[in-house]
Protein backbone atom coordinates (compact mmCIF):
# COMPACT_ATOMS: atom_id res chain seq x y z
CA MET A 1 4.81 -15.48 -9.23
CA SER A 2 7.57 -17.97 -9.91
CA ASN A 3 9.65 -19.57 -7.14
CA GLY A 4 7.99 -17.18 -4.72
CA TYR A 5 9.25 -14.07 -6.53
CA THR A 6 7.81 -11.65 -9.06
CA GLU A 7 8.80 -8.29 -10.47
CA LEU A 8 6.92 -5.87 -12.69
CA ASN A 9 8.65 -5.83 -16.05
CA ASN A 10 8.22 -2.11 -16.56
CA TYR A 11 7.66 1.13 -14.70
CA ARG A 12 4.09 2.39 -14.61
CA PHE A 13 2.14 5.40 -13.46
CA GLU A 14 0.08 5.29 -10.26
CA ARG A 15 -1.93 8.49 -9.88
CA LYS A 16 -3.70 9.00 -6.58
CA PHE A 17 -6.88 10.97 -5.98
CA VAL A 18 -8.87 11.67 -2.81
CA ALA A 19 -12.64 11.91 -2.54
CA PRO A 20 -12.82 13.24 1.05
CA ASN A 21 -16.59 13.70 1.30
CA MET A 22 -17.83 10.99 -1.10
CA SER A 23 -19.00 7.56 -0.06
CA ARG A 24 -17.60 4.46 -1.69
CA LEU A 25 -20.90 3.97 -3.52
CA ALA A 26 -20.85 7.52 -4.92
CA THR A 27 -17.19 7.23 -5.88
CA GLU A 28 -17.74 3.95 -7.72
CA MET A 29 -20.73 5.41 -9.53
CA VAL A 30 -18.53 8.22 -10.90
CA ILE A 31 -15.94 5.67 -12.04
CA LYS A 32 -18.53 3.51 -13.80
CA GLN A 33 -19.89 6.57 -15.67
CA ASN A 34 -16.45 7.45 -17.05
CA GLN A 35 -16.16 7.35 -20.86
CA ALA A 36 -13.43 4.66 -20.50
CA PHE A 37 -16.22 2.28 -19.38
CA PHE A 38 -14.71 0.92 -16.15
CA ASN A 39 -16.20 -2.31 -14.85
CA PRO A 40 -15.61 -4.17 -11.57
CA VAL A 41 -13.06 -6.98 -11.56
CA TYR A 42 -12.22 -9.36 -8.71
CA GLN A 43 -14.05 -9.38 -5.40
CA PRO A 44 -13.67 -6.46 -2.97
CA ARG A 45 -11.38 -7.40 -0.08
CA ARG A 46 -9.59 -6.16 2.99
CA ILE A 47 -5.92 -5.29 2.52
CA ASN A 48 -3.44 -5.20 5.41
CA ASN A 49 0.16 -3.96 5.42
CA ILE A 50 3.01 -3.82 7.87
CA TYR A 51 5.36 -1.06 6.68
CA PHE A 52 9.06 -1.03 7.44
CA ASP A 53 11.59 1.77 7.71
CA THR A 54 15.17 2.35 8.82
CA PRO A 55 15.91 3.55 12.37
CA GLY A 56 16.41 7.01 10.88
CA LEU A 57 13.06 6.84 9.03
CA ASP A 58 14.69 7.26 5.62
CA CYS A 59 11.59 6.03 3.74
CA PHE A 60 9.32 8.37 5.65
CA PHE A 61 11.44 11.44 5.02
CA ASP A 62 12.04 10.56 1.37
CA ASN A 63 8.26 10.39 0.90
CA LEU A 64 7.66 13.52 2.98
CA PHE A 65 10.10 15.63 0.96
CA GLY A 66 9.21 14.07 -2.39
CA ASN A 67 12.57 12.48 -3.18
CA GLY A 68 12.36 11.44 -6.82
CA ASN A 69 14.15 8.13 -6.18
CA ARG A 70 12.66 6.34 -3.21
CA TRP A 71 11.43 2.97 -2.03
CA LYS A 72 9.00 1.46 0.47
CA CYS A 73 9.00 -1.97 2.07
CA ARG A 74 5.84 -3.67 3.29
CA LEU A 75 4.44 -7.04 4.24
CA ARG A 76 0.96 -7.46 2.70
CA TRP A 77 -1.89 -9.91 3.20
CA TYR A 78 -5.64 -10.07 2.61
CA GLY A 79 -8.61 -10.76 4.88
CA ASP A 80 -8.55 -10.49 8.66
CA VAL A 81 -5.97 -8.18 10.18
CA PHE A 82 -5.09 -10.49 13.06
CA GLY A 83 -4.85 -14.26 13.45
CA LYS A 84 -3.19 -16.85 11.20
CA ILE A 85 -1.85 -15.11 8.11
CA GLU A 86 -1.68 -17.74 5.37
CA MET A 87 -0.30 -16.01 2.26
CA PRO A 88 1.72 -12.90 3.13
CA VAL A 89 3.85 -11.22 0.50
CA LEU A 90 6.89 -9.00 1.05
CA GLU A 91 6.87 -6.09 -1.39
CA PHE A 92 9.35 -3.43 -2.33
CA LYS A 93 7.83 -0.48 -4.16
CA ILE A 94 10.45 1.47 -6.10
CA LYS A 95 9.72 4.97 -7.37
CA LYS A 96 11.70 6.90 -10.00
CA GLY A 97 10.18 10.26 -10.70
CA LEU A 98 6.52 9.88 -11.62
CA VAL A 99 6.66 6.15 -12.34
CA GLY A 100 7.25 3.10 -10.21
CA THR A 101 7.65 -0.66 -10.14
CA LYS A 102 7.47 -3.45 -7.57
CA ARG A 103 9.36 -6.56 -6.43
CA SER A 104 7.36 -9.18 -4.53
CA PHE A 105 8.38 -12.26 -2.51
CA ARG A 106 6.09 -14.95 -1.13
CA MET A 107 6.56 -15.35 2.64
CA PRO A 108 5.80 -18.19 5.08
CA ALA A 109 2.52 -18.19 7.00
CA PHE A 110 2.72 -16.59 10.43
CA ASN A 111 0.52 -15.80 13.42
CA PHE A 112 -0.23 -12.12 14.01
CA ASP A 113 -1.31 -11.96 17.65
CA LYS A 114 -2.73 -8.56 18.56
CA HIS A 115 -1.94 -9.18 22.24
CA GLN A 116 1.60 -10.52 21.91
CA PHE A 117 3.09 -9.03 18.74
CA THR A 118 6.81 -8.24 18.93
CA PHE A 119 9.49 -7.29 16.40
CA ARG A 120 11.06 -10.70 17.02
CA ASP A 121 8.03 -12.27 15.30
CA ILE A 122 8.93 -10.39 12.10
CA GLU A 123 12.65 -11.11 12.44
CA GLN A 124 11.87 -14.80 12.70
CA LEU A 125 9.60 -14.60 9.65
CA PHE A 126 12.44 -13.08 7.61
CA GLU A 127 14.82 -15.79 8.83
CA GLU A 128 12.45 -18.52 7.65
CA ALA A 129 11.75 -16.96 4.25
CA ALA A 130 13.60 -17.97 1.06
CA LEU A 131 14.76 -14.45 0.20
CA PRO A 132 17.51 -13.44 -2.22
CA HIS A 133 20.74 -12.28 -0.60
CA ASP A 134 20.27 -8.61 -1.49
CA ILE A 135 16.77 -8.57 -0.06
CA ARG A 136 17.86 -10.34 3.10
CA GLU A 137 20.54 -7.67 3.60
CA ARG A 138 17.99 -4.92 3.09
CA VAL A 139 15.36 -6.25 5.52
CA ALA A 140 18.07 -6.64 8.15
CA LYS A 141 18.36 -2.85 8.19
CA VAL A 142 14.67 -2.01 8.66
CA GLN A 143 12.04 -2.48 11.38
CA PRO A 144 8.22 -2.37 11.51
CA VAL A 145 6.85 1.15 11.95
CA LEU A 146 3.20 1.10 10.80
CA LEU A 147 0.25 -1.24 10.32
CA ASN A 148 -2.57 -0.15 8.08
CA SER A 149 -5.75 -1.77 6.84
CA TYR A 150 -8.49 -0.79 4.35
CA ASN A 151 -11.21 -2.07 2.05
CA ARG A 152 -10.41 -2.18 -1.67
CA SER A 153 -12.47 -2.69 -4.81
CA TYR A 154 -11.10 -3.03 -8.38
CA PHE A 155 -12.07 -1.72 -11.81
CA VAL A 156 -10.62 -2.05 -15.31
CA SER A 157 -11.33 0.00 -18.45
CA MET A 158 -13.02 -1.64 -21.40
CA ASN A 159 -9.76 -1.52 -23.42
CA LYS A 160 -7.87 -3.10 -20.46
CA ARG A 161 -5.26 -0.31 -20.46
CA TYR A 162 -6.27 1.37 -17.20
CA ARG A 163 -6.99 -0.03 -13.75
CA ILE A 164 -8.60 1.74 -10.83
CA THR A 165 -8.66 0.76 -7.17
CA VAL A 166 -11.00 2.35 -4.60
CA ASP A 167 -9.99 2.25 -0.93
CA ASP A 168 -11.98 3.27 2.15
CA LYS A 169 -12.38 2.48 5.86
CA LEU A 170 -8.71 3.26 6.42
CA GLN A 171 -7.16 2.29 9.76
CA TYR A 172 -3.61 2.90 11.02
CA TYR A 173 -1.67 1.53 14.02
CA ASN A 174 1.68 2.76 15.27
CA LEU A 175 4.24 -0.02 15.78
CA ARG A 176 6.93 0.19 18.43
CA ARG A 177 9.75 -2.11 19.38
CA GLY A 178 8.80 -2.46 23.04
CA TRP A 179 5.02 -2.03 23.18
CA ASN A 180 2.13 -2.13 20.72
CA HIS A 181 -1.51 -1.25 21.33
CA PHE A 182 -4.05 -2.22 18.70
CA GLY A 183 -7.17 -1.12 20.55
CA ARG A 184 -7.28 2.46 19.32
CA PRO A 185 -6.39 2.87 15.67
CA PHE A 186 -6.23 6.17 13.86
CA THR A 187 -9.09 5.97 11.35
CA GLU A 188 -10.06 7.87 8.21
CA ASP A 189 -13.63 6.62 7.89
CA PHE A 190 -14.79 9.41 5.59
CA LYS A 191 -11.85 9.39 3.21
CA THR A 192 -11.94 7.47 -0.07
CA VAL A 193 -8.73 7.01 -2.06
CA VAL A 194 -8.80 6.37 -5.82
CA GLU A 195 -5.68 5.11 -7.64
CA LEU A 196 -5.43 5.07 -11.43
CA LYS A 197 -2.70 2.68 -12.69
CA TYR A 198 -1.43 2.29 -16.24
CA ASP A 199 1.71 1.64 -18.32
CA GLN A 200 3.79 4.57 -19.56
CA GLU A 201 2.74 4.09 -23.19
CA TRP A 202 -0.83 5.10 -22.36
CA ASN A 203 0.01 8.35 -20.57
CA LYS A 204 -0.93 10.59 -23.52
CA GLU A 205 -4.51 9.40 -23.39
CA VAL A 206 -5.04 9.51 -19.63
CA ASP A 207 -6.42 13.08 -19.52
CA MET A 208 -9.59 11.86 -21.23
CA ILE A 209 -10.19 9.82 -18.08
CA THR A 210 -9.01 12.17 -15.34
CA ASN A 211 -10.77 15.25 -16.76
CA GLN A 212 -14.04 13.55 -15.81
CA PHE A 213 -12.97 12.97 -12.21
CA PRO A 214 -14.38 15.28 -9.52
CA PHE A 215 -11.64 13.95 -7.21
CA ARG A 216 -8.65 15.88 -5.89
CA LEU A 217 -5.20 14.79 -7.11
CA ASP A 218 -3.16 13.84 -4.03
CA LYS A 219 0.50 12.76 -3.89
CA ASN A 220 0.39 11.59 -0.27
CA SER A 221 0.51 7.83 0.21
CA LYS A 222 -1.25 5.91 2.96
CA PHE A 223 2.19 5.19 4.41
CA LEU A 224 2.87 8.91 4.63
CA SER A 225 -0.58 9.67 6.08
CA GLY A 226 -0.21 7.11 8.84
CA MET A 227 3.40 7.97 9.65
CA SER A 228 2.65 11.69 9.71
CA HIS A 229 -0.19 11.15 12.20
CA PHE A 230 2.04 9.16 14.55
CA ARG A 231 5.14 11.28 13.96
CA SER A 232 5.18 12.84 17.43
CA GLU A 233 5.01 9.41 19.05
CA ILE A 234 7.72 8.01 16.77
CA ALA A 235 10.05 10.85 17.68
CA VAL A 236 9.81 10.11 21.40
């Protein structure tokens, strides 16, 4: 990340799978036994995201109906969900057909108070950030709609061409402009999500990996899962 900004230099595949009745341990065992010889990299950690959408929920409906050209905006950080957030990153995920890329911007530290969170806290964060003009215009048109949090572990194939992330202990919170309640999250404790990520040039070889997966291919994102659950409340 240079000057607080980074962008993937190419579009890549991100294929999602769900292991609804498998524990993290069982899921990781399957991954390690794959013929691509996946090994753990990095330390497992907790990932937290505040997702944004337009007042008309354009991002939600584009994802729901599978629009080939779509985007998502989120504020991401690692570790505790609430408290002093030291190294948040604003991310725009851009999808074109089956491949996607990402633009990321380092943000100032902020305090995420579970008892006093308001949209003004996020507006002030955007005002303080050193964002490019086009990004500043875009965030001015969106508002927080969802908070999610989950555990993630990381794996890479022996040839370094393929990466896998394993997510579990998923939690979702609905975000509203006037009132937010973080005491009762929607949880998916028994759902494990596997994502296989790789550059386009390695797509021809990927079936050798996925044919050994007992997991179910799933196009739904965590953003869509959380938003769909809270849809009736959002519509009120």
